[in-house]
Amino acid sequence: MRCPYCGNVDTQVKDSRPAEDHVSIRRRRFCPACAGRFTTYERVQLRDLVVIKKNGRREDFDRDKLARSIRIALQKRPIEAERVEQMISGIVRRLESTGETDIPSDMIGEIVMERLAAIDTVAYVRFASVYKNFQEADDFEDFVAELRPNVPATEE
């Protein structure tokens, strides 16, 4: 593993243990060249996934890109980092277990929205605003109105 500080390719593993999510291995590493310490994570990858974008373009699935978009939606929300990581791992496992290597971006977006709706409504609306490409305030109003339970009109 290349040292992120000096670029040395000969780093040493000092400690390995299961990560909090129990689907990856956390490794503490040491660089003998610069004495830098850093952590890496090793995960099982069942297959190489390819994302099919709405315009038909294909690109390799990027777990980090998925994680960034989820973390942006959850920014300043009271959700623990461990729970976010478990959610991301669950989404990736679900995508890998479809049996398909080509995954439509729509499917990824719907799965993310489903998971966000279950843990934080604000993050769900934030993500949906980008995913569904809201253009005006009315788009937000319509979307939030769908979230509210139907409240019968009060009789007067």
Foldseek 3Di string as FASTA:
>chain_A
DADPPPRDPDKAFDDWDQDPLNQWIKTWIADPVPRDIDIDIGGDDLDWAWEQEPVRDIDTDDLVVVLVLLCVLCPPPPDDPSVSVNLSVVLNVVVRVVVDRYHYVVVSLVSSLVVCVVPPPSSSLVSCCVVVVDDDVVVSVVVVVVVDDDDDDDDD
